[in-house]
């Protein structure tokens, strides 16, 4: 079961998938319209160069990608779901 512990941002893809950033668990979760978690990105214990990764904002582009910002390391990551 994929319970969201601290949702920070939500976006909807062009095919109605729901993207949620979970800052506490350090994950990005993708849900279908029924609320079923269909894909998880990231690692609950993610660190990049010994700096803790915490996804924050999320946006969706026209290519089916979603862009996740991280205020802890001042970066953006681009993901594509399947």
N, C-alpha and C. Protein backbone atom coordinates (compact mmCIF):
# COMPACT_ATOMS: atom_id res chain seq x y z
N UNK A 1 0.84 -1.17 0.00
CA UNK A 1 0.00 0.00 0.00
C UNK A 1 0.89 1.24 0.00
N UNK A 2 0.55 2.21 -0.83
CA UNK A 2 1.35 3.42 -0.95
C UNK A 2 0.59 4.60 -0.36
N UNK A 3 0.86 4.86 0.91
CA UNK A 3 0.22 5.97 1.61
C UNK A 3 1.14 7.17 1.52
N UNK A 4 0.58 8.34 1.24
CA UNK A 4 1.34 9.57 1.16
C UNK A 4 1.47 10.13 2.57
N UNK A 5 2.70 10.44 2.97
CA UNK A 5 2.90 10.94 4.32
C UNK A 5 2.97 12.47 4.38
N UNK A 6 3.52 13.12 3.35
CA UNK A 6 3.58 14.57 3.31
C UNK A 6 3.55 15.03 1.86
N UNK A 7 2.35 15.14 1.33
CA UNK A 7 2.19 15.58 -0.06
C UNK A 7 2.49 17.08 -0.13
N UNK A 8 3.35 17.45 -1.06
CA UNK A 8 3.71 18.85 -1.21
C UNK A 8 3.12 19.43 -2.49
N UNK A 9 3.13 18.64 -3.56
CA UNK A 9 2.65 19.14 -4.84
C UNK A 9 1.93 18.04 -5.60
N UNK A 10 0.98 18.46 -6.44
CA UNK A 10 0.20 17.52 -7.24
C UNK A 10 0.09 18.09 -8.65
N UNK A 11 0.19 17.21 -9.65
CA UNK A 11 -0.01 17.60 -11.05
C UNK A 11 -0.76 16.47 -11.74
N UNK A 12 -1.44 16.81 -12.83
CA UNK A 12 -2.20 15.82 -13.60
C UNK A 12 -1.65 15.78 -15.02
N UNK A 13 -1.36 14.57 -15.51
CA UNK A 13 -0.82 14.41 -16.86
C UNK A 13 -1.95 14.52 -17.88
N UNK A 14 -1.58 14.59 -19.14
CA UNK A 14 -2.58 14.73 -20.19
C UNK A 14 -3.47 13.50 -20.33
N UNK A 15 -3.01 12.35 -19.82
CA UNK A 15 -3.85 11.15 -19.85
C UNK A 15 -4.40 10.82 -18.45
N UNK A 16 -4.57 11.86 -17.65
CA UNK A 16 -5.25 11.78 -16.34
C UNK A 16 -4.53 10.96 -15.28
N UNK A 17 -3.22 10.85 -15.36
CA UNK A 17 -2.45 10.27 -14.27
C UNK A 17 -2.18 11.39 -13.26
N UNK A 18 -2.13 11.06 -11.99
CA UNK A 18 -1.93 12.04 -10.94
C UNK A 18 -0.53 11.85 -10.36
N UNK A 19 0.28 12.90 -10.40
CA UNK A 19 1.65 12.87 -9.90
C UNK A 19 1.67 13.60 -8.55
N UNK A 20 2.22 12.94 -7.53
CA UNK A 20 2.28 13.53 -6.19
C UNK A 20 3.70 13.43 -5.66
N UNK A 21 4.22 14.54 -5.13
CA UNK A 21 5.52 14.49 -4.47
C UNK A 21 5.29 14.24 -2.98
N UNK A 22 6.00 13.30 -2.44
CA UNK A 22 5.92 12.96 -1.01
C UNK A 22 7.25 13.34 -0.38
N UNK A 23 7.28 14.51 0.21
CA UNK A 23 8.53 15.07 0.73
C UNK A 23 9.09 14.27 1.91
N UNK A 24 8.22 13.76 2.76
CA UNK A 24 8.69 13.04 3.94
C UNK A 24 9.33 11.70 3.56
N UNK A 25 8.67 10.96 2.66
CA UNK A 25 9.22 9.67 2.23
C UNK A 25 10.21 9.79 1.08
N UNK A 26 10.39 11.00 0.57
CA UNK A 26 11.35 11.28 -0.51
C UNK A 26 11.03 10.51 -1.79
N UNK A 27 9.76 10.47 -2.13
CA UNK A 27 9.29 9.72 -3.30
C UNK A 27 8.41 10.58 -4.18
N UNK A 28 8.29 10.19 -5.44
CA UNK A 28 7.30 10.73 -6.35
C UNK A 28 6.40 9.57 -6.72
N UNK A 29 5.10 9.75 -6.56
CA UNK A 29 4.16 8.65 -6.81
C UNK A 29 3.20 9.02 -7.93
N UNK A 30 2.91 8.02 -8.75
CA UNK A 30 2.00 8.19 -9.88
C UNK A 30 0.76 7.34 -9.63
N UNK A 31 -0.41 7.98 -9.72
CA UNK A 31 -1.68 7.31 -9.46
C UNK A 31 -2.56 7.36 -10.70
N UNK A 32 -3.46 6.37 -10.82
CA UNK A 32 -4.48 6.43 -11.86
C UNK A 32 -5.69 7.17 -11.30
N UNK A 33 -6.73 7.32 -12.11
CA UNK A 33 -7.90 8.09 -11.68
C UNK A 33 -8.70 7.42 -10.55
N UNK A 34 -8.47 6.14 -10.33
CA UNK A 34 -9.16 5.46 -9.24
C UNK A 34 -8.42 5.59 -7.91
N UNK A 35 -7.21 6.19 -7.94
CA UNK A 35 -6.42 6.33 -6.73
C UNK A 35 -5.43 5.21 -6.50
N UNK A 36 -5.33 4.30 -7.46
CA UNK A 36 -4.38 3.19 -7.38
C UNK A 36 -2.98 3.69 -7.73
N UNK A 37 -2.00 3.44 -6.86
CA UNK A 37 -0.62 3.80 -7.14
C UNK A 37 -0.09 2.86 -8.21
N UNK A 38 0.36 3.42 -9.33
CA UNK A 38 0.81 2.59 -10.45
C UNK A 38 2.32 2.64 -10.68
N UNK A 39 2.99 3.64 -10.09
CA UNK A 39 4.44 3.71 -10.24
C UNK A 39 5.01 4.61 -9.15
N UNK A 40 6.20 4.26 -8.67
CA UNK A 40 6.89 5.05 -7.64
C UNK A 40 8.28 5.37 -8.14
N UNK A 41 8.69 6.62 -7.98
CA UNK A 41 10.02 7.07 -8.37
C UNK A 41 10.77 7.51 -7.13
N UNK A 42 12.06 7.26 -7.10
CA UNK A 42 12.88 7.70 -5.98
C UNK A 42 13.12 6.58 -4.99
N UNK A 43 13.69 6.95 -3.89
CA UNK A 43 14.08 6.01 -2.85
C UNK A 43 13.79 6.68 -1.52
N UNK A 44 13.14 5.97 -0.63
CA UNK A 44 12.76 6.55 0.65
C UNK A 44 13.98 7.05 1.43
N UNK A 45 15.14 6.55 1.10
CA UNK A 45 16.36 6.96 1.80
C UNK A 45 17.35 7.59 0.83
N UNK A 46 16.85 8.40 -0.10
CA UNK A 46 17.68 8.97 -1.16
C UNK A 46 18.64 10.04 -0.64
N UNK A 47 19.86 9.92 -1.09
CA UNK A 47 20.87 10.94 -0.85
C UNK A 47 21.64 11.13 -2.14
N UNK A 48 21.96 12.36 -2.48
CA UNK A 48 22.78 12.66 -3.65
C UNK A 48 24.02 13.37 -3.12
N UNK A 49 25.18 12.78 -3.31
CA UNK A 49 26.43 13.36 -2.81
C UNK A 49 26.32 13.75 -1.34
N UNK A 50 25.75 12.85 -0.56
CA UNK A 50 25.59 13.02 0.88
C UNK A 50 24.63 14.14 1.27
N UNK A 51 23.88 14.66 0.31
CA UNK A 51 22.87 15.68 0.60
C UNK A 51 21.50 15.02 0.47
N UNK A 52 20.66 15.22 1.43
CA UNK A 52 19.36 14.57 1.42
C UNK A 52 18.48 15.12 0.31
N UNK A 53 17.91 14.23 -0.48
CA UNK A 53 17.02 14.57 -1.58
C UNK A 53 15.58 14.61 -1.08
N UNK A 54 14.89 15.72 -1.31
CA UNK A 54 13.49 15.85 -0.91
C UNK A 54 12.69 16.50 -2.04
N UNK A 55 11.91 15.71 -2.78
CA UNK A 55 11.12 16.28 -3.87
C UNK A 55 10.12 17.31 -3.35
N UNK A 56 9.91 18.35 -4.13
CA UNK A 56 9.03 19.44 -3.68
C UNK A 56 7.95 19.72 -4.72
N UNK A 57 8.22 20.58 -5.67
CA UNK A 57 7.22 20.94 -6.68
C UNK A 57 7.19 19.97 -7.83
N UNK A 58 6.08 19.99 -8.58
CA UNK A 58 5.96 19.11 -9.74
C UNK A 58 5.16 19.83 -10.83
N UNK A 59 5.58 19.63 -12.08
CA UNK A 59 4.87 20.16 -13.24
C UNK A 59 4.91 19.10 -14.33
N UNK A 60 3.96 19.15 -15.24
CA UNK A 60 3.87 18.19 -16.34
C UNK A 60 4.03 18.95 -17.65
N UNK A 61 4.82 18.40 -18.59
CA UNK A 61 4.95 19.05 -19.89
C UNK A 61 4.17 18.29 -20.96
N UNK A 62 4.17 18.83 -22.18
CA UNK A 62 3.38 18.25 -23.27
C UNK A 62 3.96 16.96 -23.82
N UNK A 63 5.16 16.57 -23.41
CA UNK A 63 5.80 15.35 -23.89
C UNK A 63 5.55 14.15 -22.98
N UNK A 64 4.69 14.31 -22.00
CA UNK A 64 4.40 13.19 -21.09
C UNK A 64 5.44 13.04 -20.00
N UNK A 65 6.24 14.05 -19.80
CA UNK A 65 7.24 14.02 -18.74
C UNK A 65 6.74 14.86 -17.58
N UNK A 66 7.27 14.58 -16.41
CA UNK A 66 7.01 15.50 -15.31
C UNK A 66 8.33 15.93 -14.69
N UNK A 67 8.33 17.19 -14.28
CA UNK A 67 9.53 17.83 -13.77
C UNK A 67 9.33 18.03 -12.27
N UNK A 68 10.29 17.55 -11.48
CA UNK A 68 10.20 17.65 -10.03
C UNK A 68 11.32 18.54 -9.53
N UNK A 69 10.95 19.52 -8.72
CA UNK A 69 11.96 20.39 -8.12
C UNK A 69 12.32 19.89 -6.73
N UNK A 70 13.53 20.24 -6.33
CA UNK A 70 14.00 19.87 -5.01
C UNK A 70 14.65 21.10 -4.39
N UNK A 71 14.06 21.62 -3.34
CA UNK A 71 14.59 22.82 -2.71
C UNK A 71 15.78 22.52 -1.80
N UNK A 72 15.98 21.26 -1.42
CA UNK A 72 17.12 20.90 -0.58
C UNK A 72 18.44 21.02 -1.34
N UNK A 73 18.41 20.62 -2.62
CA UNK A 73 19.64 20.67 -3.41
C UNK A 73 19.52 21.61 -4.61
N UNK A 74 18.46 22.43 -4.62
CA UNK A 74 18.25 23.43 -5.68
C UNK A 74 18.39 22.84 -7.08
N UNK A 75 17.57 21.84 -7.36
CA UNK A 75 17.68 21.18 -8.66
C UNK A 75 16.31 20.77 -9.19
N UNK A 76 16.31 20.34 -10.45
CA UNK A 76 15.12 19.78 -11.10
C UNK A 76 15.50 18.44 -11.70
N UNK A 77 14.58 17.50 -11.65
CA UNK A 77 14.77 16.21 -12.30
C UNK A 77 13.58 15.98 -13.23
N UNK A 78 13.86 15.38 -14.37
CA UNK A 78 12.80 15.08 -15.33
C UNK A 78 12.56 13.57 -15.35
N UNK A 79 11.31 13.20 -15.21
CA UNK A 79 10.91 11.79 -15.18
C UNK A 79 9.95 11.52 -16.32
N UNK A 80 9.92 10.30 -16.79
CA UNK A 80 8.94 9.85 -17.78
C UNK A 80 8.35 8.55 -17.27
N UNK A 81 7.05 8.48 -17.28
CA UNK A 81 6.39 7.27 -16.80
C UNK A 81 6.09 6.35 -17.97
N UNK A 82 5.89 5.09 -17.65
CA UNK A 82 5.58 4.09 -18.69
C UNK A 82 4.19 3.54 -18.48
